[in-house]
Structures are given as C-alpha cells and as structure tokens.
C-alpha cells in the first residue's frame, strides 16, 4: 500500500482531529485537518485525496450534504465518524456515498484498520482501472484512440469518425512503423478479398486525413509511401 496516501480529516473537535492526524501520520500517511463542511469541500476541490474521514456534526455545510457534494468530485473512500449509530442513519449515509462508518467513541486500532482496509481496496481498484484504460487506449503524437469507447481525440479535440475511418486509424496506430498496402487495409477493414479497386481505400484515407487536419492542421499524420501504401508519418 502507498505509505504516502493523503487523508483529509474533517472534525470540528480540535483534540479528536489532532489525535486522528497524529495516529495516521505515525502510520506514514499524509494528513490535513479541516474543521467545517465548507473547509472540507474547499480542500476536496483544490487537492486530490485518497480518503476522507468525516464527522457528521460539523459547522457550515452538514456532513450529510458534504458527502453528496464530495461524490460529485471524487470517488475516494469516505469514512464517516459519528456518534449517530442507528441502523437507519448508517443506511442513509451509505446510500449518499459513504463507504464505511466508525462509531464514537472509537477504538484507535479499529479506526486505523478500517482506514487501511478501505484504502487498500480503493488503491487496488484505481490501479486496475488505470491499467485497463492504458490497455484500451492507443496513442500517437497528440492522437488518442479509445478502443472501448470508440472515442478519438487530437489533443483535447474530439474527432467524429465513421466506423470504417475508426478501424483505419486503429489499424495504423496498432503498428505505427508498418507500411500497410491497400490490399492489407481493405482486407483488414472490409474483410473481403482485395480485387484491385484502389478508390475505396483512397477515399477513406483522404477523409481520415481531412478530419485529423481539421483538428490539428500543424501535423500531417498519414504518409503515402509511393507504390506501397500508407503508414503513420514520423
């Protein structure tokens, strides 16, 4: 587990806040103290946090409302610390987006164990999601192609492609150094035998070039290799 995970401690009672921060820092976590709902939201909007410990009875914006607003910003785990211990309260908090609940007065070892457990699950999930996204996205220069969502971007500009244009770009991005003959392209994308009709491939390459150029006219992405075919330009 990342020993430098950042935890925001939202608790208006100074002694409890200081105690939690000290314990967590002794476990090699980074902490910041917040003492109101307003301050908590400011911290979440301005910084990335791996976890939020949140008391319900805080001044300013209520703890319940803070949970809802935090969920609009981040999926980082929220552990509620509260003297409100009814089953109804816990269920409502979980439905609002909380991940766990620690009852006051709390046992320090249990509190640390819950922090460790929730952080471990969150960080493992985040790592797997990043790997999944990395495996599903092809990059070349400032082009990104998401295989799963079918989204293509040039820089921050989304480029709308037809299914065949998408397949053509994906083919080129899969092996940027390879020269693809027109027969390679046709048979790969259309799934039919190439009978020497260049026009279909030429038209689709031309349309793809035009759309990429509109998104960034300072780059020429596709190179024509005379008498051979096409490849991505270095």
Protein backbone atom coordinates (compact mmCIF):
# COMPACT_ATOMS: atom_id res chain seq x y z
CA UNK A 1 0.00 0.00 0.00
CA UNK A 2 1.11 3.54 -0.71
CA UNK A 3 2.58 4.83 2.58
CA UNK A 4 2.15 8.40 1.36
CA UNK A 5 -1.58 8.26 0.73
CA UNK A 6 -3.27 11.59 1.53
CA UNK A 7 -6.12 11.64 4.03
CA UNK A 8 -8.36 14.61 4.79
CA UNK A 9 -9.59 14.61 8.40
CA UNK A 10 -12.82 16.61 8.82
CA UNK A 11 -13.64 17.01 12.51
CA UNK A 12 -14.52 20.21 14.38
CA UNK A 13 -13.34 18.98 17.79
CA UNK A 14 -9.70 20.01 17.80
CA UNK A 15 -8.46 17.26 20.18
CA UNK A 16 -10.07 14.47 18.15
CA UNK A 17 -8.87 15.93 14.86
CA UNK A 18 -5.32 16.27 16.17
CA UNK A 19 -5.41 12.72 17.58
CA UNK A 20 -6.53 11.22 14.26
CA UNK A 21 -3.96 13.19 12.27
CA UNK A 22 -1.17 12.18 14.64
CA UNK A 23 -2.10 8.47 14.54
CA UNK A 24 -2.33 8.44 10.75
CA UNK A 25 0.93 10.32 10.30
CA UNK A 26 2.60 7.79 12.60
CA UNK A 27 1.40 5.18 10.07
CA UNK A 28 3.21 7.19 7.35
CA UNK A 29 0.10 8.78 5.83
CA UNK A 30 -0.11 12.45 4.87
CA UNK A 31 -2.96 14.30 6.56
CA UNK A 32 -4.66 17.65 6.60
CA UNK A 33 -7.13 18.86 9.20
CA UNK A 34 -10.41 20.55 8.25
CA UNK A 35 -12.91 21.84 10.80
CA UNK A 36 -16.08 22.59 8.82
CA UNK A 37 -18.06 21.35 5.86
CA UNK A 38 -17.15 24.44 3.87
CA UNK A 39 -13.44 23.95 4.50
CA UNK A 40 -13.71 20.25 3.63
CA UNK A 41 -15.26 20.99 0.24
CA UNK A 42 -12.65 23.65 -0.48
CA UNK A 43 -9.91 21.06 0.21
CA UNK A 44 -11.55 18.43 -2.00
CA UNK A 45 -11.99 20.88 -4.88
CA UNK A 46 -8.40 22.12 -4.69
CA UNK A 47 -6.46 18.92 -3.96
CA UNK A 48 -6.54 15.20 -4.68
CA UNK A 49 -7.27 12.98 -1.65
CA UNK A 50 -7.04 9.22 -1.29
CA UNK A 51 -9.51 9.21 1.61
CA UNK A 52 -11.76 11.49 3.63
CA UNK A 53 -12.55 10.92 7.31
CA UNK A 54 -15.72 12.88 8.02
CA UNK A 55 -17.58 13.76 11.20
CA UNK A 56 -21.30 14.45 10.66
CA UNK A 57 -21.77 17.15 13.30
CA UNK A 58 -19.65 19.87 11.75
CA UNK A 59 -20.36 23.60 11.31
CA UNK A 60 -21.19 25.14 7.98
CA UNK A 61 -22.40 22.57 5.47
CA UNK A 62 -23.68 19.43 7.19
CA UNK A 63 -21.74 16.17 6.97
CA UNK A 64 -24.57 14.53 5.04
CA UNK A 65 -24.53 17.27 2.40
CA UNK A 66 -20.75 17.20 2.26
CA UNK A 67 -20.86 13.50 1.32
CA UNK A 68 -23.16 14.22 -1.62
CA UNK A 69 -21.02 17.12 -2.85
CA UNK A 70 -17.76 15.15 -2.46
CA UNK A 71 -19.23 12.37 -4.60
CA UNK A 72 -19.70 14.89 -7.41
CA UNK A 73 -15.93 15.46 -7.37
CA UNK A 74 -14.17 12.23 -6.39
CA UNK A 75 -14.69 8.52 -5.76
CA UNK A 76 -12.15 8.48 -2.92
CA UNK A 77 -13.47 6.49 0.05
CA UNK A 78 -15.36 8.40 2.73
CA UNK A 79 -15.35 7.01 6.27
CA UNK A 80 -17.93 8.67 8.50
CA UNK A 81 -17.04 9.16 12.16
CA UNK A 82 -20.11 9.88 14.26
CA UNK A 83 -21.99 9.30 17.49
CA UNK A 84 -25.12 8.72 15.40
CA UNK A 85 -25.18 4.95 15.43
CA UNK A 86 -28.69 3.92 14.35
CA UNK A 87 -29.06 1.44 11.51
CA UNK A 88 -31.24 3.93 9.62
CA UNK A 89 -28.52 6.59 9.78
CA UNK A 90 -25.84 4.20 8.54
CA UNK A 91 -28.00 3.01 5.65
CA UNK A 92 -28.82 6.60 4.62
CA UNK A 93 -25.14 7.58 4.71
CA UNK A 94 -24.11 4.58 2.62
CA UNK A 95 -26.79 5.45 0.08
CA UNK A 96 -25.47 9.03 -0.09
CA UNK A 97 -22.00 7.75 -0.95
CA UNK A 98 -20.18 6.92 2.30
CA UNK A 99 -18.03 3.77 2.26
CA UNK A 100 -17.72 2.93 5.95
CA UNK A 101 -18.75 4.05 9.43
CA UNK A 102 -16.82 4.43 12.68
CA UNK A 103 -18.85 4.98 15.83
CA UNK A 104 -17.82 7.46 18.53
CA UNK A 105 -16.22 6.83 20.92
CA UNK A 106 -13.97 4.74 18.68
CA UNK A 107 -11.14 2.31 19.23
CA UNK A 108 -7.93 3.64 17.69
CA UNK A 109 -6.76 0.26 16.39
CA UNK A 110 -10.13 -0.38 14.75
CA UNK A 111 -10.11 3.08 13.17
CA UNK A 112 -6.67 2.51 11.67
CA UNK A 113 -7.68 -0.95 10.47
CA UNK A 114 -10.73 0.48 8.67
CA UNK A 115 -8.59 3.18 7.08
CA UNK A 116 -6.07 0.59 5.87
CA UNK A 117 -8.78 -1.74 4.55
CA UNK A 118 -10.69 0.92 2.62
CA UNK A 119 -7.52 2.48 1.23
CA UNK A 120 -6.19 -0.87 0.07
CA UNK A 121 -9.40 -1.64 -1.86
CA UNK A 122 -9.54 1.85 -3.36
CA UNK A 123 -5.90 1.98 -4.43
CA UNK A 124 -6.05 -1.53 -5.93
CA UNK A 125 -9.20 -0.59 -7.85
CA UNK A 126 -7.63 2.67 -9.06
CA UNK A 127 -4.51 0.84 -10.24
CA UNK A 128 -6.57 -1.76 -12.11
CA UNK A 129 -8.71 0.94 -13.74
CA UNK A 130 -5.64 2.89 -14.86
CA UNK A 131 -4.14 -0.29 -16.33
CA UNK A 132 -7.42 -1.12 -18.05
CA UNK A 133 -7.64 2.37 -19.55
CA UNK A 134 -3.99 2.26 -20.58
CA UNK A 135 -4.51 -1.08 -22.33
CA UNK A 136 -7.61 0.23 -24.13
CA UNK A 137 -6.08 3.43 -25.50
CA UNK A 138 -3.70 3.77 -28.44
CA UNK A 139 -1.53 6.88 -28.68
CA UNK A 140 0.42 8.52 -31.48
CA UNK A 141 1.74 12.08 -31.25
CA UNK A 142 -1.31 14.00 -29.93
CA UNK A 143 -3.81 11.39 -31.14
CA UNK A 144 -5.55 9.10 -28.65
CA UNK A 145 -7.92 6.33 -29.70
CA UNK A 146 -10.04 4.58 -27.07
CA UNK A 147 -10.77 1.07 -28.33
CA UNK A 148 -13.59 0.50 -25.86
CA UNK A 149 -15.48 3.81 -26.01
CA UNK A 150 -14.63 4.40 -29.71
CA UNK A 151 -13.58 7.96 -28.88
CA UNK A 152 -10.80 9.61 -30.86
CA UNK A 153 -9.11 12.80 -29.73
CA UNK A 154 -6.49 15.01 -31.29
CA UNK A 155 -5.17 16.97 -28.34
CA UNK A 156 -8.34 17.93 -26.49
CA UNK A 157 -10.47 17.92 -29.64
CA UNK A 158 -12.85 15.02 -30.15
CA UNK A 159 -12.84 13.79 -33.75
CA UNK A 160 -16.03 12.17 -35.05
CA UNK A 161 -15.16 9.22 -37.31
CA UNK A 162 -17.25 6.70 -39.19
CA UNK A 163 -16.84 3.04 -38.28
CA UNK A 164 -14.51 2.42 -41.23
CA UNK A 165 -12.45 5.56 -40.55
CA UNK A 166 -12.10 4.48 -36.92
CA UNK A 167 -11.00 1.00 -37.99
CA UNK A 168 -8.49 2.51 -40.43
CA UNK A 169 -6.95 4.76 -37.79
CA UNK A 170 -6.87 1.92 -35.27
CA UNK A 171 -5.05 -0.28 -37.79
CA UNK A 172 -2.40 2.37 -38.40
CA UNK A 173 -1.98 3.14 -34.67
CA UNK A 174 -1.59 -0.54 -33.79
CA UNK A 175 1.74 -0.64 -35.62
CA UNK A 176 2.91 2.93 -36.37
CA UNK A 177 6.09 1.84 -38.18
CA UNK A 178 4.43 -0.59 -40.55
CA UNK A 179 3.61 0.28 -44.16
CA UNK A 180 0.13 -1.02 -44.96
CA UNK A 181 -0.59 -1.82 -48.56
CA UNK A 182 -4.02 -1.00 -49.93
CA UNK A 183 -4.81 -4.70 -50.05
CA UNK A 184 -3.75 -5.03 -46.36
CA UNK A 185 -6.06 -2.19 -45.41
CA UNK A 186 -9.02 -3.35 -47.48
CA UNK A 187 -8.89 -6.96 -46.34
CA UNK A 188 -8.35 -5.98 -42.69
CA UNK A 189 -11.19 -3.46 -42.53
CA UNK A 190 -13.72 -4.68 -45.05
CA UNK A 191 -12.99 -8.36 -44.51
CA UNK A 192 -13.18 -9.13 -48.21
CA UNK A 193 -10.67 -10.08 -50.87
CA UNK A 194 -8.97 -7.08 -52.46
CA UNK A 195 -9.60 -7.10 -56.23
CA UNK A 196 -7.50 -4.07 -57.13
CA UNK A 197 -10.07 -1.29 -56.62
CA UNK A 198 -7.96 1.47 -55.03
CA UNK A 199 -10.75 4.01 -54.85
CA UNK A 200 -12.44 2.71 -51.68
CA UNK A 201 -9.24 2.80 -49.64
CA UNK A 202 -8.09 6.11 -51.13
CA UNK A 203 -11.37 7.84 -50.30
CA UNK A 204 -11.34 6.67 -46.68
CA UNK A 205 -7.70 7.64 -46.18
CA UNK A 206 -8.43 11.06 -47.66
CA UNK A 207 -11.44 11.61 -45.39
CA UNK A 208 -9.49 10.50 -42.32
CA UNK A 209 -6.62 12.83 -43.22
CA UNK A 210 -9.02 15.75 -43.62
CA UNK A 211 -10.68 15.18 -40.23
CA UNK A 212 -7.34 14.89 -38.44
CA UNK A 213 -6.10 18.02 -40.21
CA UNK A 214 -9.17 19.99 -39.10
CA UNK A 215 -8.41 19.00 -35.51
CA UNK A 216 -4.73 19.98 -35.86
CA UNK A 217 -3.56 21.48 -39.15
CA UNK A 218 0.04 21.73 -37.97
CA UNK A 219 0.50 17.96 -38.26
CA UNK A 220 0.40 15.61 -41.23
CA UNK A 221 -0.27 12.25 -39.63
CA UNK A 222 -0.57 9.81 -42.53
CA UNK A 223 2.22 9.35 -45.04
CA UNK A 224 1.78 7.92 -48.53
CA UNK A 225 4.57 5.52 -49.47
CA UNK A 226 4.70 5.52 -53.26
CA UNK A 227 3.80 2.21 -54.90
CA UNK A 228 3.49 0.59 -51.47
CA UNK A 229 0.72 2.06 -49.33
CA UNK A 230 0.29 4.10 -46.16
CA UNK A 231 1.88 4.49 -42.75
CA UNK A 232 1.94 6.99 -39.94
CA UNK A 233 4.36 9.84 -40.52
CA UNK A 234 7.26 10.01 -38.07
